[in-house]
Amino acid sequence: MPKICALCISEKKGTQKHAKESVEVVKGFGLLNDAHAGNWHRQVSLLSKDSVEEFEKIKEGLKIPEGAFGENILIKGLDFDKIKVGTVLVSGDVRLQATQIGKECHKGCSIRNSLGDCIMPREGVFARVLHGGVLKRGDDISVEFYTPYKLGIITVSDKGSRGERLDESGDEIERIFSERGFKISARTIIPDDREIISETIKNFTDKLKLNLVLTTGGTGFSPRDNTPEATLAVLEKNVPGIAESMRLYSSKFTDKAMLSRAVSGIRKSSLIINLPGSLKAVRENIKAFEGPLIHGLDILNEKAKDCGGK
């Protein structure tokens, strides 16, 4: 049985984490007193002790202190290759759900700066806390089976559909969600035609039965921007909070965010979200909803019961 061999926190960002014998794990937050905990999707970081030991061998037996890679939880005997976005890790009362695999190494990474390499960007797992409790060094930890969610990407662009423009936004959506464990099941480029947009969404939700459908483009004020109206025409339930959160988040970077007419909602068992057409805006908007996205899909697909509990 895989075991927790280290529990680490840092009270201030920019300082190395240090090991503790036990930690309190708080639902929707992370490890109590850890500076990187909070209301976001990377509340807890996990790393394989086996990978750390291999790294130490490569570095000629150099001993790496616990927490040096920035990990909260170091686990021995767990096959991290089996962990995908959405996978749930269980130890006692604590339940953690993986939200991201790997990340870009920050510029101040002491391991990379001193040794020229860091395994956290490649092998680190980040998770949010579904259920809290207390973890202790030596506790058993297990993984629950997970089936990846299926994603469909619809790029709405007259020029793109004629081959006159590269689909950079569609490429970026595919890259981001592939890294987060989604299965890219369908992708297409279509013109800014309201009927075609509606029919394409219906095909993705009704026939292909995709869990998540992301559109990009056609959310502005141009006479040919028809994506929100085409989406509203096929929605069965409105989910306004996602679109509202995207506008609010983007307003930190530009006051033009208020001009977005993007909508979000549900049809059948599919969540549909309109994204803008620009590459920069796509990245910003995804950050606005990626934290609670998996939980929303779990509720929609009856993998979770509610948003309450510890």
Protein backbone atom coordinates (compact mmCIF):
# COMPACT_ATOMS: atom_id res chain seq x y z
CA MET A 1 0.00 0.00 0.00
CA PRO A 2 1.42 3.45 -0.92
CA LYS A 3 2.30 5.57 2.09
CA ILE A 4 2.75 9.23 2.93
CA CYS A 5 6.41 9.66 3.83
CA ALA A 6 6.52 13.45 4.26
CA LEU A 7 4.13 16.34 4.89
CA CYS A 8 5.52 19.80 4.22
CA ILE A 9 4.37 23.41 4.48
CA SER A 10 5.84 26.88 4.15
CA GLU A 11 4.26 29.75 6.06
CA LYS A 12 5.46 32.33 3.51
CA LYS A 13 5.63 32.19 -0.28
CA GLY A 14 9.16 32.16 -1.64
CA THR A 15 10.49 30.09 1.29
CA GLN A 16 11.32 26.37 1.25
CA LYS A 17 8.75 24.02 2.71
CA HIS A 18 9.64 22.14 5.88
CA ALA A 19 8.41 18.75 7.11
CA LYS A 20 5.84 18.17 9.85
CA GLU A 21 4.71 14.95 11.48
CA SER A 22 1.03 15.76 10.88
CA VAL A 23 -1.04 18.43 9.13
CA GLU A 24 -4.66 19.52 9.10
CA VAL A 25 -6.20 19.46 5.62
CA VAL A 26 -9.03 21.94 5.09
CA LYS A 27 -11.76 21.41 2.48
CA GLY A 28 -11.60 23.88 -0.39
CA PHE A 29 -8.37 25.39 0.96
CA GLY A 30 -5.40 23.04 1.40
CA LEU A 31 -2.97 22.41 4.24
CA LEU A 32 -3.56 24.66 7.24
CA ASN A 33 -0.88 27.38 7.54
CA ASP A 34 0.61 26.62 4.12
CA ALA A 35 1.18 29.80 2.12
CA HIS A 36 0.18 28.17 -1.17
CA ALA A 37 -3.22 27.02 0.08
CA GLY A 38 -6.28 29.01 -0.93
CA ASN A 39 -9.39 29.20 -3.06
CA TRP A 40 -7.84 27.99 -6.31
CA HIS A 41 -7.19 24.74 -8.14
CA ARG A 42 -3.64 24.04 -6.88
CA GLN A 43 -4.41 23.79 -3.16
CA VAL A 44 -2.14 20.80 -2.50
CA SER A 45 1.00 19.61 -4.33
CA LEU A 46 2.06 15.97 -4.39
CA LEU A 47 5.26 14.26 -5.53
CA SER A 48 6.57 10.69 -5.76
CA LYS A 49 9.27 9.75 -3.24
CA ASP A 50 10.41 7.13 -5.74
CA SER A 51 11.04 9.87 -8.33
CA VAL A 52 12.97 11.92 -5.78
CA GLU A 53 15.17 8.90 -5.00
CA GLU A 54 15.87 8.38 -8.72
CA PHE A 55 16.76 12.07 -9.00
CA GLU A 56 19.18 11.68 -6.07
CA LYS A 57 20.88 8.74 -7.81
CA ILE A 58 21.35 10.77 -10.98
CA LYS A 59 22.90 13.54 -8.89
CA GLU A 60 25.42 11.03 -7.46
CA GLY A 61 23.70 10.37 -4.17
CA LEU A 62 22.91 13.95 -3.28
CA LYS A 63 20.33 14.03 -0.46
CA ILE A 64 17.33 16.25 -1.26
CA PRO A 65 15.55 17.66 1.83
CA GLU A 66 11.85 16.91 2.18
CA GLY A 67 9.81 19.74 0.69
CA ALA A 68 12.70 21.05 -1.43
CA PHE A 69 10.75 20.58 -4.66
CA GLY A 70 7.85 22.57 -3.21
CA GLU A 71 5.72 19.49 -2.51
CA ASN A 72 3.18 19.35 0.30
CA ILE A 73 2.86 15.57 0.27
CA LEU A 74 5.60 13.09 -0.61
CA ILE A 75 4.32 9.58 -1.36
CA LYS A 76 6.22 6.29 -1.55
CA GLY A 77 5.04 3.35 -3.66
CA LEU A 78 2.38 5.10 -5.77
CA ASP A 79 2.45 4.93 -9.58
CA PHE A 80 2.01 8.61 -10.42
CA ASP A 81 1.56 7.74 -14.12
CA LYS A 82 -1.91 6.45 -13.22
CA ILE A 83 -2.98 9.81 -11.81
CA LYS A 84 -5.00 11.89 -14.27
CA VAL A 85 -6.92 15.11 -13.81
CA GLY A 86 -10.01 14.13 -11.83
CA THR A 87 -8.34 11.20 -10.04
CA VAL A 88 -9.22 11.12 -6.34
CA LEU A 89 -6.58 10.26 -3.74
CA VAL A 90 -7.86 8.99 -0.39
CA SER A 91 -6.18 8.79 3.01
CA GLY A 92 -8.46 8.33 6.01
CA ASP A 93 -11.09 11.08 5.87
CA VAL A 94 -9.06 13.19 3.45
CA ARG A 95 -10.01 13.19 -0.21
CA LEU A 96 -7.94 15.09 -2.78
CA GLN A 97 -8.88 15.47 -6.43
CA ALA A 98 -6.13 16.01 -9.01
CA THR A 99 -6.63 19.22 -10.99
CA GLN A 100 -3.31 19.60 -12.82
CA ILE A 101 -0.33 17.44 -13.78
CA GLY A 102 2.97 19.32 -13.83
CA LYS A 103 3.54 23.05 -14.12
CA GLU A 104 6.03 25.60 -15.32
CA CYS A 105 8.97 25.88 -12.94
CA HIS A 106 9.10 29.29 -11.28
CA LYS A 107 12.18 31.48 -11.86
CA GLY A 108 13.27 31.34 -8.22
CA CYS A 109 13.32 27.52 -8.02
CA SER A 110 16.37 26.76 -5.85
CA ILE A 111 16.66 23.15 -7.06
CA ARG A 112 16.74 24.12 -10.73
CA ASN A 113 19.07 27.04 -10.08
CA SER A 114 21.56 24.93 -8.13
CA LEU A 115 21.32 21.54 -9.89
CA GLY A 116 20.09 22.51 -13.36
CA ASP A 117 16.92 20.39 -13.17
CA CYS A 118 13.68 20.02 -11.21
CA ILE A 119 11.19 17.14 -11.39
CA MET A 120 8.16 19.03 -10.09
CA PRO A 121 7.29 20.59 -13.50
CA ARG A 122 7.24 17.12 -15.10
CA GLU A 123 5.91 14.89 -12.35
CA GLY A 124 4.21 17.04 -9.74
CA VAL A 125 0.48 16.55 -9.15
CA PHE A 126 -1.72 19.37 -7.95
CA ALA A 127 -5.06 18.85 -6.26
CA ARG A 128 -7.97 20.50 -4.51
CA VAL A 129 -9.39 19.27 -1.22
CA LEU A 130 -12.78 17.56 -1.48
CA HIS A 131 -12.92 16.48 2.17
CA GLY A 132 -10.72 17.56 5.04
CA GLY A 133 -9.14 15.81 7.99
CA VAL A 134 -5.74 15.13 9.54
CA LEU A 135 -2.83 13.46 7.74
CA LYS A 136 0.16 11.93 9.49
CA ARG A 137 3.52 10.71 8.26
CA GLY A 138 3.18 6.99 7.50
CA ASP A 139 -0.55 7.08 6.63
CA ASP A 140 -1.73 4.85 3.79
CA ILE A 141 -2.99 6.56 0.64
CA SER A 142 -4.87 5.09 -2.33
CA VAL A 143 -6.17 6.14 -5.75
CA GLU A 144 -9.74 5.81 -6.97
CA PHE A 145 -10.32 4.80 -10.60
CA TYR A 146 -11.10 7.71 -12.92
CA THR A 147 -12.39 7.97 -16.50
CA PRO A 148 -11.22 11.16 -18.26
CA TYR A 149 -13.85 13.66 -19.34
CA LYS A 150 -14.36 14.11 -23.08
CA LEU A 151 -13.85 17.58 -24.56
CA GLY A 152 -15.03 19.08 -27.83
CA ILE A 153 -13.55 22.32 -29.26
CA ILE A 154 -15.48 24.48 -31.71
CA THR A 155 -13.63 27.37 -33.32
CA VAL A 156 -16.06 29.90 -34.78
CA SER A 157 -14.40 31.97 -37.50
CA ASP A 158 -15.30 32.83 -41.08
CA LYS A 159 -11.64 33.24 -42.02
CA GLY A 160 -10.59 30.15 -40.11
CA SER A 161 -13.22 28.00 -41.80
CA ARG A 162 -11.86 29.15 -45.18
CA GLY A 163 -8.28 28.34 -44.20
CA GLU A 164 -7.28 32.00 -44.12
CA ARG A 165 -6.35 32.10 -40.42
CA LEU A 166 -4.47 29.73 -38.11
CA ASP A 167 -6.53 28.32 -35.26
CA GLU A 168 -4.16 29.38 -32.47
CA SER A 169 -6.91 29.62 -29.86
CA GLY A 170 -8.17 26.13 -30.63
CA ASP A 171 -4.60 24.81 -30.40
CA GLU A 172 -4.14 26.49 -27.02
CA ILE A 173 -7.40 25.08 -25.64
CA GLU A 174 -6.34 21.60 -26.74
CA ARG A 175 -2.90 22.00 -25.16
CA ILE A 176 -4.23 23.27 -21.83
CA PHE A 177 -6.92 20.66 -21.40
CA SER A 178 -4.76 17.78 -22.63
CA GLU A 179 -2.28 18.67 -19.87
CA ARG A 180 -5.16 18.60 -17.40
CA GLY A 181 -6.14 15.06 -18.38
CA PHE A 182 -9.12 15.66 -20.68
CA LYS A 183 -9.64 13.49 -23.74
CA ILE A 184 -9.90 15.69 -26.85
CA SER A 185 -12.71 13.81 -28.60
CA ALA A 186 -13.76 16.29 -31.29
CA ARG A 187 -12.54 19.53 -32.80
CA THR A 188 -13.82 21.60 -35.71
CA ILE A 189 -13.67 25.06 -37.32
CA ILE A 190 -16.94 26.53 -38.59
CA PRO A 191 -18.12 29.90 -39.98
CA ASP A 192 -19.91 32.58 -37.93
CA ASP A 193 -23.32 31.25 -38.92
CA ARG A 194 -25.90 31.00 -36.14
CA GLU A 195 -27.60 27.86 -37.43
CA ILE A 196 -24.31 26.05 -38.11
CA ILE A 197 -23.03 26.91 -34.62
CA SER A 198 -26.20 25.62 -32.97
CA GLU A 199 -26.20 22.39 -34.98
CA THR A 200 -22.53 21.76 -34.26
CA ILE A 201 -23.08 22.19 -30.52
CA LYS A 202 -26.07 19.81 -30.66
CA ASN A 203 -23.97 17.25 -32.52
CA PHE A 204 -21.25 17.44 -29.86
CA THR A 205 -23.71 17.14 -26.97
CA ASP A 206 -26.49 14.88 -28.30
CA LYS A 207 -24.66 12.51 -30.65
CA LEU A 208 -21.04 12.52 -29.47
CA LYS A 209 -22.14 12.94 -25.84
CA LEU A 210 -19.13 15.05 -24.90
CA ASN A 211 -18.85 16.15 -21.28
CA LEU A 212 -17.45 19.60 -22.02
CA VAL A 213 -17.87 21.74 -25.14
CA LEU A 214 -15.75 24.88 -25.50
CA THR A 215 -16.36 27.36 -28.28
CA THR A 216 -13.84 30.05 -29.18
CA GLY A 217 -14.68 33.17 -31.15
CA GLY A 218 -17.79 35.13 -32.06
CA THR A 219 -18.54 36.62 -28.62
CA GLY A 220 -18.07 40.32 -29.41
CA PHE A 221 -20.03 43.17 -31.01
CA SER A 222 -19.35 42.45 -34.68
CA PRO A 223 -22.46 41.85 -36.83
CA ARG A 224 -21.08 38.36 -37.54
CA ASP A 225 -20.56 37.51 -33.85
CA ASN A 226 -23.35 34.98 -33.32
CA THR A 227 -21.91 32.44 -30.87
CA PRO A 228 -23.82 33.51 -27.71
CA GLU A 229 -27.19 33.57 -29.49
CA ALA A 230 -26.51 30.22 -31.18
CA THR A 231 -25.52 28.73 -27.82
CA LEU A 232 -28.54 30.11 -25.96
CA ALA A 233 -30.80 28.60 -28.61
CA VAL A 234 -29.75 25.07 -27.64
CA LEU A 235 -29.13 25.38 -23.88
CA GLU A 236 -31.47 23.57 -21.50
CA LYS A 237 -30.08 25.18 -18.36
CA ASN A 238 -28.25 28.45 -17.92
CA VAL A 239 -25.02 28.57 -15.85
CA PRO A 240 -24.36 32.31 -15.77
CA GLY A 241 -21.73 32.21 -13.03
CA ILE A 242 -19.04 30.84 -15.33
CA ALA A 243 -19.40 33.58 -17.96
CA GLU A 244 -19.71 36.21 -15.24
CA SER A 245 -16.52 34.96 -13.58
CA MET A 246 -14.66 35.07 -16.89
CA ARG A 247 -15.62 38.71 -17.44
CA LEU A 248 -14.71 39.60 -13.87
CA TYR A 249 -11.33 37.88 -14.08
CA SER A 250 -10.46 39.42 -17.46
CA SER A 251 -11.40 42.87 -16.19
CA LYS A 252 -8.19 42.74 -14.11
CA PHE A 253 -6.27 43.00 -17.38
CA THR A 254 -8.53 45.07 -19.65
CA ASP A 255 -11.68 47.15 -19.31
CA LYS A 256 -12.80 45.70 -22.66
CA ALA A 257 -13.73 42.50 -20.79
CA MET A 258 -17.18 44.01 -20.17
CA LEU A 259 -17.80 43.87 -23.92
CA SER A 260 -17.72 40.07 -23.99
CA ARG A 261 -21.18 38.53 -24.55
CA ALA A 262 -20.05 34.96 -23.78
CA VAL A 263 -22.59 32.60 -22.20
CA SER A 264 -22.35 29.25 -20.44
CA GLY A 265 -24.86 26.51 -19.74
CA ILE A 266 -25.93 22.89 -19.89
CA ARG A 267 -27.47 20.68 -22.57
CA LYS A 268 -28.10 17.02 -21.75
CA SER A 269 -25.03 15.97 -19.72
CA SER A 270 -22.73 18.49 -21.39
CA LEU A 271 -21.38 21.77 -20.09
CA ILE A 272 -20.98 24.41 -22.81
CA ILE A 273 -18.78 27.49 -22.37
CA ASN A 274 -18.14 30.30 -24.84
CA LEU A 275 -14.54 31.54 -24.91
CA PRO A 276 -13.28 34.63 -26.76
CA GLY A 277 -11.37 34.30 -30.00
CA SER A 278 -8.02 35.84 -29.04
CA LEU A 279 -5.19 33.68 -27.71
CA LYS A 280 -4.51 35.94 -24.71
CA ALA A 281 -8.19 36.12 -23.73
CA VAL A 282 -8.58 32.34 -24.01
CA ARG A 283 -5.78 31.82 -21.49
CA GLU A 284 -7.22 34.39 -19.10
CA ASN A 285 -10.77 33.10 -19.29
CA ILE A 286 -9.81 29.47 -18.69
CA LYS A 287 -8.02 30.50 -15.49
CA ALA A 288 -11.30 32.01 -14.28
CA PHE A 289 -13.16 28.67 -14.16
CA GLU A 290 -10.63 25.83 -14.19
CA GLY A 291 -10.58 25.53 -10.38
CA PRO A 292 -14.16 24.32 -9.80
CA LEU A 293 -14.61 22.88 -13.33
CA ILE A 294 -13.99 19.22 -12.45
CA HIS A 295 -16.34 19.41 -9.48
CA GLY A 296 -19.06 20.89 -11.70
CA LEU A 297 -18.60 18.10 -14.24
CA ASP A 298 -18.67 15.53 -11.43
CA ILE A 299 -22.02 16.91 -10.22
CA LEU A 300 -23.42 17.03 -13.77
CA ASN A 301 -22.35 13.44 -14.42
CA GLU A 302 -23.50 12.22 -10.98
CA LYS A 303 -19.98 11.36 -9.80
CA ALA A 304 -20.46 13.65 -6.81
CA LYS A 305 -23.60 14.38 -4.81
CA ASP A 306 -23.32 18.00 -3.77
CA CYS A 307 -21.07 20.94 -2.97
CA GLY A 308 -21.44 20.69 0.80
CA GLY A 309 -19.82 18.61 3.48
CA LYS A 310 -16.54 19.00 5.32
